[in-house]
Protein backbone atom coordinates (compact mmCIF):
# COMPACT_ATOMS: atom_id res chain seq x y z
CA UNK A 1 0.00 0.00 0.00
CA UNK A 2 1.28 3.46 -0.68
CA UNK A 3 -0.06 6.97 -0.37
CA UNK A 4 0.79 10.24 -2.04
CA UNK A 5 0.55 13.23 0.23
CA UNK A 6 -0.36 12.99 3.90
CA UNK A 7 -2.78 10.09 4.47
CA UNK A 8 -5.64 10.44 6.92
CA UNK A 9 -6.55 7.73 9.43
CA UNK A 10 -9.84 7.11 7.60
CA UNK A 11 -7.96 6.52 4.33
CA UNK A 12 -5.62 4.04 6.00
CA UNK A 13 -8.51 2.15 7.61
CA UNK A 14 -10.51 2.08 4.36
CA UNK A 15 -7.52 0.84 2.39
CA UNK A 16 -6.66 -1.80 4.99
CA UNK A 17 -10.28 -2.97 4.86
CA UNK A 18 -9.72 -3.91 1.20
CA UNK A 19 -7.23 -6.60 2.34
CA UNK A 20 -9.37 -9.29 4.00
CA UNK A 21 -6.41 -11.45 4.99
CA UNK A 22 -5.04 -8.81 7.38
CA UNK A 23 -5.80 -10.06 10.92
CA UNK A 24 -8.38 -8.14 12.94
CA UNK A 25 -5.85 -7.51 15.71
CA UNK A 26 -3.33 -5.96 13.27
CA UNK A 27 -2.05 -2.44 13.63
CA UNK A 28 -1.89 -0.63 10.31
CA UNK A 29 -0.09 2.69 10.16
CA UNK A 30 1.36 4.97 7.50
CA UNK A 31 4.99 6.01 7.66
CA UNK A 32 6.79 8.60 5.54
CA UNK A 33 8.49 7.02 2.55
CA UNK A 34 12.19 6.23 2.49
CA UNK A 35 14.86 7.08 -0.10
CA UNK A 36 13.48 4.45 -2.51
CA UNK A 37 10.22 6.39 -2.86
CA UNK A 38 9.44 9.73 -4.46
CA UNK A 39 9.35 12.65 -1.99
CA UNK A 40 5.97 13.06 -0.31
CA UNK A 41 4.97 9.38 -0.62
CA UNK A 42 4.08 7.17 2.30
CA UNK A 43 4.37 3.46 3.00
CA UNK A 44 2.18 1.33 5.23
CA UNK A 45 3.38 -0.97 7.99
CA UNK A 46 1.20 -3.85 9.20
CA UNK A 47 1.99 -5.50 12.53
CA UNK A 48 0.10 -8.45 14.01
CA UNK A 49 0.65 -11.07 16.69
CA UNK A 50 2.77 -14.09 15.85
CA UNK A 51 -0.07 -16.58 16.40
CA UNK A 52 -1.32 -15.59 12.93
CA UNK A 53 1.33 -17.06 10.59
CA UNK A 54 2.40 -15.13 7.51
CA UNK A 55 1.11 -17.92 5.23
CA UNK A 56 -2.47 -17.16 6.32
CA UNK A 57 -2.09 -13.42 5.70
CA UNK A 58 -0.03 -13.15 2.51
CA UNK A 59 -0.04 -15.26 -0.63
CA UNK A 60 3.01 -16.68 -2.41
CA UNK A 61 4.20 -14.32 -5.13
CA UNK A 62 5.29 -16.39 -8.15
CA UNK A 63 6.75 -13.32 -9.83
CA UNK A 64 9.58 -13.19 -7.30
CA UNK A 65 11.93 -16.18 -7.17
CA UNK A 66 12.87 -15.78 -3.48
CA UNK A 67 9.46 -16.96 -2.31
CA UNK A 68 8.24 -13.51 -1.29
CA UNK A 69 4.62 -13.03 -0.33
CA UNK A 70 2.02 -10.43 -1.31
CA UNK A 71 -1.18 -9.05 0.16
CA UNK A 72 -4.04 -9.20 -2.31
CA UNK A 73 -6.86 -6.64 -2.18
CA UNK A 74 -10.51 -7.00 -3.05
CA UNK A 75 -12.27 -4.89 -5.65
CA UNK A 76 -14.70 -2.23 -4.43
CA UNK A 77 -17.95 -3.75 -3.11
CA UNK A 78 -16.49 -7.29 -3.29
CA UNK A 79 -15.60 -9.75 -0.54
CA UNK A 80 -13.47 -12.17 -2.53
CA UNK A 81 -9.85 -11.55 -3.46
CA UNK A 82 -9.09 -11.61 -7.17
CA UNK A 83 -7.17 -14.62 -8.40
CA UNK A 84 -3.53 -13.63 -9.13
CA UNK A 85 -3.88 -14.76 -12.77
CA UNK A 86 -6.94 -12.52 -13.20
CA UNK A 87 -5.09 -9.62 -11.59
CA UNK A 88 -2.22 -10.01 -14.07
CA UNK A 89 -4.69 -10.36 -16.96
CA UNK A 90 -6.43 -7.09 -16.02
CA UNK A 91 -3.15 -5.24 -15.67
CA UNK A 92 -1.64 -6.54 -18.92
CA UNK A 93 -4.88 -6.04 -20.84
CA UNK A 94 -5.06 -2.42 -19.69
CA UNK A 95 -1.45 -1.79 -20.68
CA UNK A 96 -2.00 -3.44 -24.08
CA UNK A 97 -5.04 -1.23 -24.75
CA UNK A 98 -2.99 1.82 -23.81
CA UNK A 99 -0.11 0.75 -26.09
CA UNK A 100 -2.42 -0.01 -29.01
CA UNK A 101 -4.65 3.04 -28.95
CA UNK A 102 -2.16 5.61 -27.63
CA UNK A 103 1.16 4.50 -29.18
CA UNK A 104 2.84 7.93 -28.91
CA UNK A 105 2.00 8.22 -25.21
CA UNK A 106 3.09 4.61 -24.67
CA UNK A 107 6.47 5.30 -26.27
CA UNK A 108 6.84 8.46 -24.18
CA UNK A 109 6.02 6.47 -21.03
CA UNK A 110 8.73 3.92 -21.90
CA UNK A 111 11.43 6.57 -22.51
CA UNK A 112 13.83 5.95 -19.63
CA UNK A 113 15.55 9.31 -20.10
CA UNK A 114 12.38 11.39 -19.79
CA UNK A 115 9.58 9.45 -18.11
CA UNK A 116 9.37 8.58 -14.39
CA UNK A 117 7.01 5.77 -15.45
CA UNK A 118 9.57 3.95 -17.60
CA UNK A 119 11.36 1.99 -14.88
CA UNK A 120 8.17 0.94 -13.03
CA UNK A 121 6.58 -0.14 -16.35
CA UNK A 122 9.67 -2.16 -17.27
CA UNK A 123 9.62 -3.74 -13.82
CA UNK A 124 5.94 -4.68 -14.11
CA UNK A 125 6.46 -6.22 -17.54
CA UNK A 126 9.53 -8.15 -16.32
CA UNK A 127 7.57 -9.47 -13.33
CA UNK A 128 4.76 -10.51 -15.68
CA UNK A 129 7.23 -12.55 -17.73
CA UNK A 130 8.17 -14.41 -14.55
CA UNK A 131 4.73 -14.74 -12.98
CA UNK A 132 2.22 -15.40 -15.76
CA UNK A 133 3.66 -18.64 -17.21
CA UNK A 134 3.66 -20.30 -13.79
CA UNK A 135 0.15 -19.10 -13.03
CA UNK A 136 -1.09 -20.35 -16.41
CA UNK A 137 0.61 -23.69 -15.83
CA UNK A 138 -1.04 -24.01 -12.45
CA UNK A 139 -4.44 -23.00 -13.80
CA UNK A 140 -4.38 -25.20 -16.91
CA UNK A 141 -2.58 -28.30 -15.69
CA UNK A 142 -2.69 -28.48 -11.92
CA UNK A 143 -6.23 -27.23 -11.18
CA UNK A 144 -7.83 -29.07 -14.11
CA UNK A 145 -6.54 -32.51 -13.10
C-alpha atoms as a PDB file:
ATOM      1  CA  UNK A   1       0.000   0.000   0.000  1.00  0.00           C
ATOM      2  CA  UNK A   2       1.277   3.463  -0.682  1.00  0.00           C
ATOM      3  CA  UNK A   3      -0.055   6.973  -0.368  1.00  0.00           C
ATOM      4  CA  UNK A   4       0.789  10.239  -2.045  1.00  0.00           C
ATOM      5  CA  UNK A   5       0.547  13.226   0.228  1.00  0.00           C
ATOM      6  CA  UNK A   6      -0.360  12.986   3.903  1.00  0.00           C
ATOM      7  CA  UNK A   7      -2.778  10.090   4.474  1.00  0.00           C
ATOM      8  CA  UNK A   8      -5.639  10.442   6.924  1.00  0.00           C
ATOM      9  CA  UNK A   9      -6.549   7.734   9.430  1.00  0.00           C
ATOM     10  CA  UNK A  10      -9.836   7.106   7.603  1.00  0.00           C
ATOM     11  CA  UNK A  11      -7.958   6.520   4.331  1.00  0.00           C
ATOM     12  CA  UNK A  12      -5.625   4.037   6.001  1.00  0.00           C
ATOM     13  CA  UNK A  13      -8.510   2.149   7.606  1.00  0.00           C
ATOM     14  CA  UNK A  14     -10.507   2.085   4.357  1.00  0.00           C
ATOM     15  CA  UNK A  15      -7.524   0.837   2.389  1.00  0.00           C
ATOM     16  CA  UNK A  16      -6.660  -1.803   4.991  1.00  0.00           C
ATOM     17  CA  UNK A  17     -10.282  -2.970   4.856  1.00  0.00           C
ATOM     18  CA  UNK A  18      -9.722  -3.910   1.204  1.00  0.00           C
ATOM     19  CA  UNK A  19      -7.232  -6.599   2.336  1.00  0.00           C
ATOM     20  CA  UNK A  20      -9.373  -9.285   4.000  1.00  0.00           C
ATOM     21  CA  UNK A  21      -6.410 -11.449   4.989  1.00  0.00           C
ATOM     22  CA  UNK A  22      -5.042  -8.805   7.383  1.00  0.00           C
ATOM     23  CA  UNK A  23      -5.799 -10.063  10.918  1.00  0.00           C
ATOM     24  CA  UNK A  24      -8.379  -8.143  12.940  1.00  0.00           C
ATOM     25  CA  UNK A  25      -5.849  -7.512  15.708  1.00  0.00           C
ATOM     26  CA  UNK A  26      -3.333  -5.965  13.271  1.00  0.00           C
ATOM     27  CA  UNK A  27      -2.048  -2.436  13.631  1.00  0.00           C
ATOM     28  CA  UNK A  28      -1.894  -0.626  10.308  1.00  0.00           C
ATOM     29  CA  UNK A  29      -0.089   2.688  10.159  1.00  0.00           C
ATOM     30  CA  UNK A  30       1.355   4.968   7.503  1.00  0.00           C
ATOM     31  CA  UNK A  31       4.987   6.008   7.660  1.00  0.00           C
ATOM     32  CA  UNK A  32       6.785   8.598   5.543  1.00  0.00           C
ATOM     33  CA  UNK A  33       8.489   7.019   2.549  1.00  0.00           C
ATOM     34  CA  UNK A  34      12.185   6.230   2.487  1.00  0.00           C
ATOM     35  CA  UNK A  35      14.862   7.076  -0.095  1.00  0.00           C
ATOM     36  CA  UNK A  36      13.476   4.448  -2.509  1.00  0.00           C
ATOM     37  CA  UNK A  37      10.221   6.393  -2.865  1.00  0.00           C
ATOM     38  CA  UNK A  38       9.442   9.727  -4.455  1.00  0.00           C
ATOM     39  CA  UNK A  39       9.352  12.650  -1.994  1.00  0.00           C
ATOM     40  CA  UNK A  40       5.968  13.061  -0.314  1.00  0.00           C
ATOM     41  CA  UNK A  41       4.973   9.379  -0.617  1.00  0.00           C
ATOM     42  CA  UNK A  42       4.077   7.170   2.302  1.00  0.00           C
ATOM     43  CA  UNK A  43       4.366   3.457   2.998  1.00  0.00           C
ATOM     44  CA  UNK A  44       2.183   1.330   5.235  1.00  0.00           C
ATOM     45  CA  UNK A  45       3.378  -0.975   7.990  1.00  0.00           C
ATOM     46  CA  UNK A  46       1.196  -3.853   9.196  1.00  0.00           C
ATOM     47  CA  UNK A  47       1.993  -5.499  12.530  1.00  0.00           C
ATOM     48  CA  UNK A  48       0.101  -8.450  14.012  1.00  0.00           C
ATOM     49  CA  UNK A  49       0.646 -11.075  16.686  1.00  0.00           C
ATOM     50  CA  UNK A  50       2.772 -14.095  15.846  1.00  0.00           C
ATOM     51  CA  UNK A  51      -0.069 -16.577  16.399  1.00  0.00           C
ATOM     52  CA  UNK A  52      -1.324 -15.594  12.929  1.00  0.00           C
ATOM     53  CA  UNK A  53       1.331 -17.064  10.587  1.00  0.00           C
ATOM     54  CA  UNK A  54       2.398 -15.134   7.514  1.00  0.00           C
ATOM     55  CA  UNK A  55       1.106 -17.923   5.235  1.00  0.00           C
ATOM     56  CA  UNK A  56      -2.471 -17.162   6.323  1.00  0.00           C
ATOM     57  CA  UNK A  57      -2.095 -13.423   5.698  1.00  0.00           C
ATOM     58  CA  UNK A  58      -0.025 -13.151   2.514  1.00  0.00           C
ATOM     59  CA  UNK A  59      -0.039 -15.263  -0.632  1.00  0.00           C
ATOM     60  CA  UNK A  60       3.014 -16.685  -2.409  1.00  0.00           C
ATOM     61  CA  UNK A  61       4.202 -14.325  -5.126  1.00  0.00           C
ATOM     62  CA  UNK A  62       5.294 -16.394  -8.150  1.00  0.00           C
ATOM     63  CA  UNK A  63       6.746 -13.317  -9.829  1.00  0.00           C
ATOM     64  CA  UNK A  64       9.580 -13.188  -7.296  1.00  0.00           C
ATOM     65  CA  UNK A  65      11.935 -16.176  -7.173  1.00  0.00           C
ATOM     66  CA  UNK A  66      12.874 -15.777  -3.478  1.00  0.00           C
ATOM     67  CA  UNK A  67       9.456 -16.962  -2.308  1.00  0.00           C
ATOM     68  CA  UNK A  68       8.236 -13.513  -1.286  1.00  0.00           C
ATOM     69  CA  UNK A  69       4.622 -13.029  -0.326  1.00  0.00           C
ATOM     70  CA  UNK A  70       2.015 -10.433  -1.305  1.00  0.00           C
ATOM     71  CA  UNK A  71      -1.180  -9.050   0.165  1.00  0.00           C
ATOM     72  CA  UNK A  72      -4.036  -9.204  -2.313  1.00  0.00           C
ATOM     73  CA  UNK A  73      -6.865  -6.643  -2.178  1.00  0.00           C
ATOM     74  CA  UNK A  74     -10.507  -7.001  -3.052  1.00  0.00           C
ATOM     75  CA  UNK A  75     -12.269  -4.891  -5.652  1.00  0.00           C
ATOM     76  CA  UNK A  76     -14.704  -2.229  -4.429  1.00  0.00           C
ATOM     77  CA  UNK A  77     -17.953  -3.748  -3.107  1.00  0.00           C
ATOM     78  CA  UNK A  78     -16.495  -7.290  -3.289  1.00  0.00           C
ATOM     79  CA  UNK A  79     -15.604  -9.748  -0.535  1.00  0.00           C
ATOM     80  CA  UNK A  80     -13.466 -12.174  -2.528  1.00  0.00           C
ATOM     81  CA  UNK A  81      -9.845 -11.552  -3.461  1.00  0.00           C
ATOM     82  CA  UNK A  82      -9.089 -11.611  -7.175  1.00  0.00           C
ATOM     83  CA  UNK A  83      -7.167 -14.617  -8.403  1.00  0.00           C
ATOM     84  CA  UNK A  84      -3.532 -13.632  -9.134  1.00  0.00           C
ATOM     85  CA  UNK A  85      -3.877 -14.758 -12.768  1.00  0.00           C
ATOM     86  CA  UNK A  86      -6.939 -12.521 -13.196  1.00  0.00           C
ATOM     87  CA  UNK A  87      -5.087  -9.616 -11.594  1.00  0.00           C
ATOM     88  CA  UNK A  88      -2.217 -10.007 -14.069  1.00  0.00           C
ATOM     89  CA  UNK A  89      -4.690 -10.359 -16.958  1.00  0.00           C
ATOM     90  CA  UNK A  90      -6.434  -7.091 -16.021  1.00  0.00           C
ATOM     91  CA  UNK A  91      -3.147  -5.235 -15.672  1.00  0.00           C
ATOM     92  CA  UNK A  92      -1.645  -6.539 -18.924  1.00  0.00           C
ATOM     93  CA  UNK A  93      -4.882  -6.041 -20.839  1.00  0.00           C
ATOM     94  CA  UNK A  94      -5.058  -2.421 -19.691  1.00  0.00           C
ATOM     95  CA  UNK A  95      -1.446  -1.795 -20.678  1.00  0.00           C
ATOM     96  CA  UNK A  96      -1.996  -3.437 -24.082  1.00  0.00           C
ATOM     97  CA  UNK A  97      -5.038  -1.230 -24.750  1.00  0.00           C
ATOM     98  CA  UNK A  98      -2.992   1.824 -23.813  1.00  0.00           C
ATOM     99  CA  UNK A  99      -0.109   0.749 -26.090  1.00  0.00           C
ATOM    100  CA  UNK A 100      -2.417  -0.013 -29.009  1.00  0.00           C
ATOM    101  CA  UNK A 101      -4.650   3.040 -28.951  1.00  0.00           C
ATOM    102  CA  UNK A 102      -2.159   5.614 -27.627  1.00  0.00           C
ATOM    103  CA  UNK A 103       1.164   4.504 -29.181  1.00  0.00           C
ATOM    104  CA  UNK A 104       2.835   7.932 -28.913  1.00  0.00           C
ATOM    105  CA  UNK A 105       2.002   8.220 -25.208  1.00  0.00           C
ATOM    106  CA  UNK A 106       3.088   4.605 -24.669  1.00  0.00           C
ATOM    107  CA  UNK A 107       6.471   5.300 -26.274  1.00  0.00           C
ATOM    108  CA  UNK A 108       6.840   8.461 -24.180  1.00  0.00           C
ATOM    109  CA  UNK A 109       6.025   6.466 -21.031  1.00  0.00           C
ATOM    110  CA  UNK A 110       8.732   3.924 -21.896  1.00  0.00           C
ATOM    111  CA  UNK A 111      11.426   6.573 -22.508  1.00  0.00           C
ATOM    112  CA  UNK A 112      13.835   5.948 -19.631  1.00  0.00           C
ATOM    113  CA  UNK A 113      15.552   9.308 -20.096  1.00  0.00           C
ATOM    114  CA  UNK A 114      12.379  11.393 -19.790  1.00  0.00           C
ATOM    115  CA  UNK A 115       9.580   9.450 -18.107  1.00  0.00           C
ATOM    116  CA  UNK A 116       9.372   8.581 -14.393  1.00  0.00           C
ATOM    117  CA  UNK A 117       7.005   5.767 -15.449  1.00  0.00           C
ATOM    118  CA  UNK A 118       9.567   3.953 -17.600  1.00  0.00           C
ATOM    119  CA  UNK A 119      11.363   1.987 -14.884  1.00  0.00           C
ATOM    120  CA  UNK A 120       8.173   0.939 -13.031  1.00  0.00           C
ATOM    121  CA  UNK A 121       6.583  -0.139 -16.346  1.00  0.00           C
ATOM    122  CA  UNK A 122       9.667  -2.163 -17.266  1.00  0.00           C
ATOM    123  CA  UNK A 123       9.620  -3.742 -13.816  1.00  0.00           C
ATOM    124  CA  UNK A 124       5.939  -4.685 -14.106  1.00  0.00           C
ATOM    125  CA  UNK A 125       6.459  -6.217 -17.539  1.00  0.00           C
ATOM    126  CA  UNK A 126       9.525  -8.149 -16.324  1.00  0.00           C
ATOM    127  CA  UNK A 127       7.567  -9.466 -13.334  1.00  0.00           C
ATOM    128  CA  UNK A 128       4.757 -10.509 -15.683  1.00  0.00           C
ATOM    129  CA  UNK A 129       7.226 -12.555 -17.728  1.00  0.00           C
ATOM    130  CA  UNK A 130       8.170 -14.410 -14.548  1.00  0.00           C
ATOM    131  CA  UNK A 131       4.726 -14.744 -12.981  1.00  0.00           C
ATOM    132  CA  UNK A 132       2.218 -15.399 -15.756  1.00  0.00           C
ATOM    133  CA  UNK A 133       3.662 -18.639 -17.215  1.00  0.00           C
ATOM    134  CA  UNK A 134       3.656 -20.304 -13.792  1.00  0.00           C
ATOM    135  CA  UNK A 135       0.154 -19.101 -13.025  1.00  0.00           C
ATOM    136  CA  UNK A 136      -1.095 -20.351 -16.405  1.00  0.00           C
ATOM    137  CA  UNK A 137       0.613 -23.687 -15.833  1.00  0.00           C
ATOM    138  CA  UNK A 138      -1.042 -24.013 -12.446  1.00  0.00           C
ATOM    139  CA  UNK A 139      -4.440 -22.996 -13.803  1.00  0.00           C
ATOM    140  CA  UNK A 140      -4.382 -25.204 -16.912  1.00  0.00           C
ATOM    141  CA  UNK A 141      -2.584 -28.304 -15.691  1.00  0.00           C
ATOM    142  CA  UNK A 142      -2.693 -28.477 -11.925  1.00  0.00           C
ATOM    143  CA  UNK A 143      -6.229 -27.232 -11.183  1.00  0.00           C
ATOM    144  CA  UNK A 144      -7.828 -29.071 -14.108  1.00  0.00           C
ATOM    145  CA  UNK A 145      -6.537 -32.510 -13.095  1.00  0.00           C
END
